C-alpha atoms as a PDB file:
ATOM      1  CA  UNK A   1      85.525 232.949 163.063  1.00  0.00           C
ATOM      2  CA  UNK A   2      83.821 232.137 166.220  1.00  0.00           C
ATOM      3  CA  UNK A   3      85.727 233.107 169.587  1.00  0.00           C
ATOM      4  CA  UNK A   4      85.715 230.994 172.653  1.00  0.00           C
ATOM      5  CA  UNK A   5      84.295 232.742 175.520  1.00  0.00           C
ATOM      6  CA  UNK A   6      84.721 231.695 178.829  1.00  0.00           C
ATOM      7  CA  UNK A   7      82.048 231.321 180.872  1.00  0.00           C
ATOM      8  CA  UNK A   8      81.392 230.944 184.514  1.00  0.00           C
ATOM      9  CA  UNK A   9      78.428 228.289 183.914  1.00  0.00           C
ATOM     10  CA  UNK A  10      79.660 225.214 181.637  1.00  0.00           C
ATOM     11  CA  UNK A  11      78.587 221.967 181.322  1.00  0.00           C
ATOM     12  CA  UNK A  12      81.192 220.479 183.271  1.00  0.00           C
ATOM     13  CA  UNK A  13      79.955 223.055 186.358  1.00  0.00           C
ATOM     14  CA  UNK A  14      76.891 221.943 185.463  1.00  0.00           C
ATOM     15  CA  UNK A  15      77.232 218.349 186.177  1.00  0.00           C
ATOM     16  CA  UNK A  16      79.033 218.849 188.973  1.00  0.00           C
ATOM     17  CA  UNK A  17      76.311 220.850 190.532  1.00  0.00           C
ATOM     18  CA  UNK A  18      74.095 218.076 189.980  1.00  0.00           C
ATOM     19  CA  UNK A  19      76.636 215.369 191.105  1.00  0.00           C
ATOM     20  CA  UNK A  20      76.931 217.033 194.565  1.00  0.00           C
ATOM     21  CA  UNK A  21      73.695 217.739 195.088  1.00  0.00           C
ATOM     22  CA  UNK A  22      72.635 213.937 194.321  1.00  0.00           C
ATOM     23  CA  UNK A  23      75.226 212.596 196.708  1.00  0.00           C
ATOM     24  CA  UNK A  24      73.717 215.070 199.222  1.00  0.00           C
ATOM     25  CA  UNK A  25      70.082 213.779 198.596  1.00  0.00           C
ATOM     26  CA  UNK A  26      71.158 210.088 198.586  1.00  0.00           C
ATOM     27  CA  UNK A  27      73.093 210.626 202.001  1.00  0.00           C
ATOM     28  CA  UNK A  28      70.614 212.617 204.208  1.00  0.00           C
ATOM     29  CA  UNK A  29      68.124 209.813 202.782  1.00  0.00           C
ATOM     30  CA  UNK A  30      70.368 207.207 203.978  1.00  0.00           C
ATOM     31  CA  UNK A  31      70.821 209.183 207.475  1.00  0.00           C
ATOM     32  CA  UNK A  32      67.160 209.175 207.719  1.00  0.00           C
ATOM     33  CA  UNK A  33      66.429 205.402 206.865  1.00  0.00           C
ATOM     34  CA  UNK A  34      69.121 204.648 209.764  1.00  0.00           C
ATOM     35  CA  UNK A  35      67.635 207.028 212.094  1.00  0.00           C
ATOM     36  CA  UNK A  36      64.057 205.145 211.399  1.00  0.00           C
ATOM     37  CA  UNK A  37      65.502 201.568 212.326  1.00  0.00           C
ATOM     38  CA  UNK A  38      67.060 202.678 214.819  1.00  0.00           C
ATOM     39  CA  UNK A  39      63.993 203.636 216.621  1.00  0.00           C
ATOM     40  CA  UNK A  40      62.039 200.787 215.678  1.00  0.00           C
ATOM     41  CA  UNK A  41      65.291 198.357 216.784  1.00  0.00           C
ATOM     42  CA  UNK A  42      64.657 200.348 220.126  1.00  0.00           C
ATOM     43  CA  UNK A  43      61.049 199.753 220.145  1.00  0.00           C
ATOM     44  CA  UNK A  44      61.001 196.201 219.171  1.00  0.00           C
ATOM     45  CA  UNK A  45      63.600 195.700 222.263  1.00  0.00           C
ATOM     46  CA  UNK A  46      61.493 197.441 224.198  1.00  0.00           C
ATOM     47  CA  UNK A  47      58.135 195.108 223.387  1.00  0.00           C
ATOM     48  CA  UNK A  48      60.592 192.073 223.772  1.00  0.00           C
ATOM     49  CA  UNK A  49      61.742 192.949 226.998  1.00  0.00           C
ATOM     50  CA  UNK A  50      58.093 193.760 228.347  1.00  0.00           C
ATOM     51  CA  UNK A  51      57.028 190.655 226.791  1.00  0.00           C
ATOM     52  CA  UNK A  52      59.477 188.285 229.130  1.00  0.00           C
ATOM     53  CA  UNK A  53      58.904 190.430 232.065  1.00  0.00           C
ATOM     54  CA  UNK A  54      55.388 189.819 231.730  1.00  0.00           C
ATOM     55  CA  UNK A  55      55.404 186.593 231.136  1.00  0.00           C
ATOM     56  CA  UNK A  56      57.765 185.585 234.285  1.00  0.00           C
ATOM     57  CA  UNK A  57      55.194 187.661 236.299  1.00  0.00           C
ATOM     58  CA  UNK A  58      52.399 185.608 234.787  1.00  0.00           C
ATOM     59  CA  UNK A  59      54.614 182.365 235.631  1.00  0.00           C
ATOM     60  CA  UNK A  60      55.390 183.440 239.279  1.00  0.00           C
ATOM     61  CA  UNK A  61      51.951 184.425 239.171  1.00  0.00           C
ATOM     62  CA  UNK A  62      50.796 180.669 238.542  1.00  0.00           C
ATOM     63  CA  UNK A  63      53.564 178.999 241.050  1.00  0.00           C
ATOM     64  CA  UNK A  64      51.938 180.867 243.850  1.00  0.00           C
ATOM     65  CA  UNK A  65      48.283 180.003 242.610  1.00  0.00           C
ATOM     66  CA  UNK A  66      48.818 176.405 242.358  1.00  0.00           C
ATOM     67  CA  UNK A  67      50.727 176.028 245.359  1.00  0.00           C
ATOM     68  CA  UNK A  68      47.958 178.091 247.670  1.00  0.00           C
ATOM     69  CA  UNK A  69      45.196 175.840 246.173  1.00  0.00           C
ATOM     70  CA  UNK A  70      47.042 172.602 246.671  1.00  0.00           C
ATOM     71  CA  UNK A  71      47.952 173.391 250.079  1.00  0.00           C
ATOM     72  CA  UNK A  72      44.238 174.081 250.602  1.00  0.00           C
ATOM     73  CA  UNK A  73      43.106 170.991 248.857  1.00  0.00           C
ATOM     74  CA  UNK A  74      45.512 168.519 250.609  1.00  0.00           C
ATOM     75  CA  UNK A  75      43.795 170.258 254.132  1.00  0.00           C
ATOM     76  CA  UNK A  76      39.822 170.014 252.762  1.00  0.00           C
ATOM     77  CA  UNK A  77      38.567 166.513 251.774  1.00  0.00           C
ATOM     78  CA  UNK A  78      36.586 168.228 248.937  1.00  0.00           C
ATOM     79  CA  UNK A  79      38.312 170.373 246.135  1.00  0.00           C
ATOM     80  CA  UNK A  80      35.488 172.453 245.783  1.00  0.00           C
ATOM     81  CA  UNK A  81      35.302 173.710 249.175  1.00  0.00           C
ATOM     82  CA  UNK A  82      39.173 174.742 248.743  1.00  0.00           C
ATOM     83  CA  UNK A  83      38.286 176.601 245.948  1.00  0.00           C
ATOM     84  CA  UNK A  84      35.501 178.615 247.213  1.00  0.00           C
ATOM     85  CA  UNK A  85      37.978 179.496 249.824  1.00  0.00           C
ATOM     86  CA  UNK A  86      40.732 180.277 247.031  1.00  0.00           C
ATOM     87  CA  UNK A  87      38.441 182.634 245.267  1.00  0.00           C
ATOM     88  CA  UNK A  88      37.778 184.264 248.411  1.00  0.00           C
ATOM     89  CA  UNK A  89      41.293 185.054 248.744  1.00  0.00           C
ATOM     90  CA  UNK A  90      41.643 186.099 245.200  1.00  0.00           C
ATOM     91  CA  UNK A  91      39.167 188.884 243.916  1.00  0.00           C
ATOM     92  CA  UNK A  92      40.845 189.603 240.542  1.00  0.00           C
ATOM     93  CA  UNK A  93      40.276 185.957 239.716  1.00  0.00           C
ATOM     94  CA  UNK A  94      36.939 185.493 237.733  1.00  0.00           C
ATOM     95  CA  UNK A  95      35.533 181.294 237.904  1.00  0.00           C
ATOM     96  CA  UNK A  96      32.912 180.777 235.336  1.00  0.00           C
ATOM     97  CA  UNK A  97      31.587 177.737 237.053  1.00  0.00           C
ATOM     98  CA  UNK A  98      32.705 175.506 234.259  1.00  0.00           C
ATOM     99  CA  UNK A  99      36.085 174.796 236.399  1.00  0.00           C
ATOM    100  CA  UNK A 100      37.873 177.718 234.404  1.00  0.00           C
ATOM    101  CA  UNK A 101      39.441 180.510 236.264  1.00  0.00           C
ATOM    102  CA  UNK A 102      40.671 183.688 234.396  1.00  0.00           C
ATOM    103  CA  UNK A 103      43.168 186.410 235.596  1.00  0.00           C
ATOM    104  CA  UNK A 104      44.903 188.972 234.047  1.00  0.00           C
ATOM    105  CA  UNK A 105      48.506 190.705 234.596  1.00  0.00           C
ATOM    106  CA  UNK A 106      49.576 194.074 232.449  1.00  0.00           C
ATOM    107  CA  UNK A 107      53.171 195.599 232.064  1.00  0.00           C
ATOM    108  CA  UNK A 108      53.600 198.662 230.399  1.00  0.00           C
ATOM    109  CA  UNK A 109      51.833 198.515 227.027  1.00  0.00           C
ATOM    110  CA  UNK A 110      51.375 194.427 227.379  1.00  0.00           C
ATOM    111  CA  UNK A 111      48.336 192.401 228.883  1.00  0.00           C
ATOM    112  CA  UNK A 112      48.517 188.803 229.315  1.00  0.00           C
ATOM    113  CA  UNK A 113      44.881 187.017 229.623  1.00  0.00           C
ATOM    114  CA  UNK A 114      45.463 183.623 231.432  1.00  0.00           C
ATOM    115  CA  UNK A 115      42.698 180.592 231.220  1.00  0.00           C
ATOM    116  CA  UNK A 116      43.295 177.676 233.809  1.00  0.00           C
ATOM    117  CA  UNK A 117      41.746 174.481 234.427  1.00  0.00           C
ATOM    118  CA  UNK A 118      40.911 173.712 237.668  1.00  0.00           C
ATOM    119  CA  UNK A 119      40.717 169.744 238.410  1.00  0.00           C
ATOM    120  CA  UNK A 120      37.531 167.940 239.653  1.00  0.00           C
ATOM    121  CA  UNK A 121      39.895 165.664 242.099  1.00  0.00           C
ATOM    122  CA  UNK A 122      42.363 165.858 244.554  1.00  0.00           C
ATOM    123  CA  UNK A 123      44.581 163.488 242.863  1.00  0.00           C
ATOM    124  CA  UNK A 124      44.630 164.991 239.441  1.00  0.00           C
ATOM    125  CA  UNK A 125      46.914 168.162 238.675  1.00  0.00           C
ATOM    126  CA  UNK A 126      45.455 171.174 240.143  1.00  0.00           C
ATOM    127  CA  UNK A 127      46.111 173.601 237.643  1.00  0.00           C
ATOM    128  CA  UNK A 128      45.742 172.935 233.794  1.00  0.00           C
ATOM    129  CA  UNK A 129      46.707 175.301 231.374  1.00  0.00           C
ATOM    130  CA  UNK A 130      44.796 176.363 228.547  1.00  0.00           C
ATOM    131  CA  UNK A 131      45.208 179.948 226.842  1.00  0.00           C
ATOM    132  CA  UNK A 132      48.200 182.342 227.521  1.00  0.00           C
ATOM    133  CA  UNK A 133      47.060 185.267 225.272  1.00  0.00           C
ATOM    134  CA  UNK A 134      49.715 188.539 225.059  1.00  0.00           C
ATOM    135  CA  UNK A 135      48.324 191.685 223.324  1.00  0.00           C
ATOM    136  CA  UNK A 136      48.990 195.134 223.454  1.00  0.00           C
ATOM    137  CA  UNK A 137      47.341 198.111 223.844  1.00  0.00           C
ATOM    138  CA  UNK A 138      46.978 198.695 220.289  1.00  0.00           C
ATOM    139  CA  UNK A 139      45.403 195.045 219.867  1.00  0.00           C
ATOM    140  CA  UNK A 140      47.998 193.129 218.263  1.00  0.00           C
ATOM    141  CA  UNK A 141      48.205 189.635 219.495  1.00  0.00           C
ATOM    142  CA  UNK A 142      50.899 187.396 219.913  1.00  0.00           C
ATOM    143  CA  UNK A 143      49.391 184.210 221.069  1.00  0.00           C
ATOM    144  CA  UNK A 144      49.711 182.238 217.991  1.00  0.00           C
ATOM    145  CA  UNK A 145      53.628 180.720 217.987  1.00  0.00           C
ATOM    146  CA  UNK A 146      55.034 184.534 219.179  1.00  0.00           C
ATOM    147  CA  UNK A 147      53.892 185.605 215.308  1.00  0.00           C
ATOM    148  CA  UNK A 148      51.942 188.865 215.405  1.00  0.00           C
ATOM    149  CA  UNK A 149      48.148 188.906 214.612  1.00  0.00           C
ATOM    150  CA  UNK A 150      46.607 191.973 214.125  1.00  0.00           C
ATOM    151  CA  UNK A 151      42.743 192.752 214.844  1.00  0.00           C
ATOM    152  CA  UNK A 152      43.082 190.169 218.272  1.00  0.00           C
END
């Protein structure tokens, strides 16, 4: 007849240790996942806030530029003369002789490229928006309906 001896590490003890290790590992993985999601949300909120800031700066600059150019156009008979005076006052604006002007605004890691068409006659709208392009330093482009497009 076999005698049953008491052992310290029986099957119930091993199962309990395995369950405790499993619970601790899943808890650690959950904590790491929650931390990474929190950091991603912070970066996303920062990017969204910066994009709204650069869009606001762009709209304000457009309003100022349109007001200045329209005032110069009303003072002169020819819009081309007003445009040449306007371009001398704003060296940050590039003009390519096809009646398109372009400028760039930056805010933290974002860059907004704006292309505008200048009217040919005084009675037309002075500036017409052609394109906005919002990009980040890593080359992510948000110009297609706000959806990120990689590769610019």
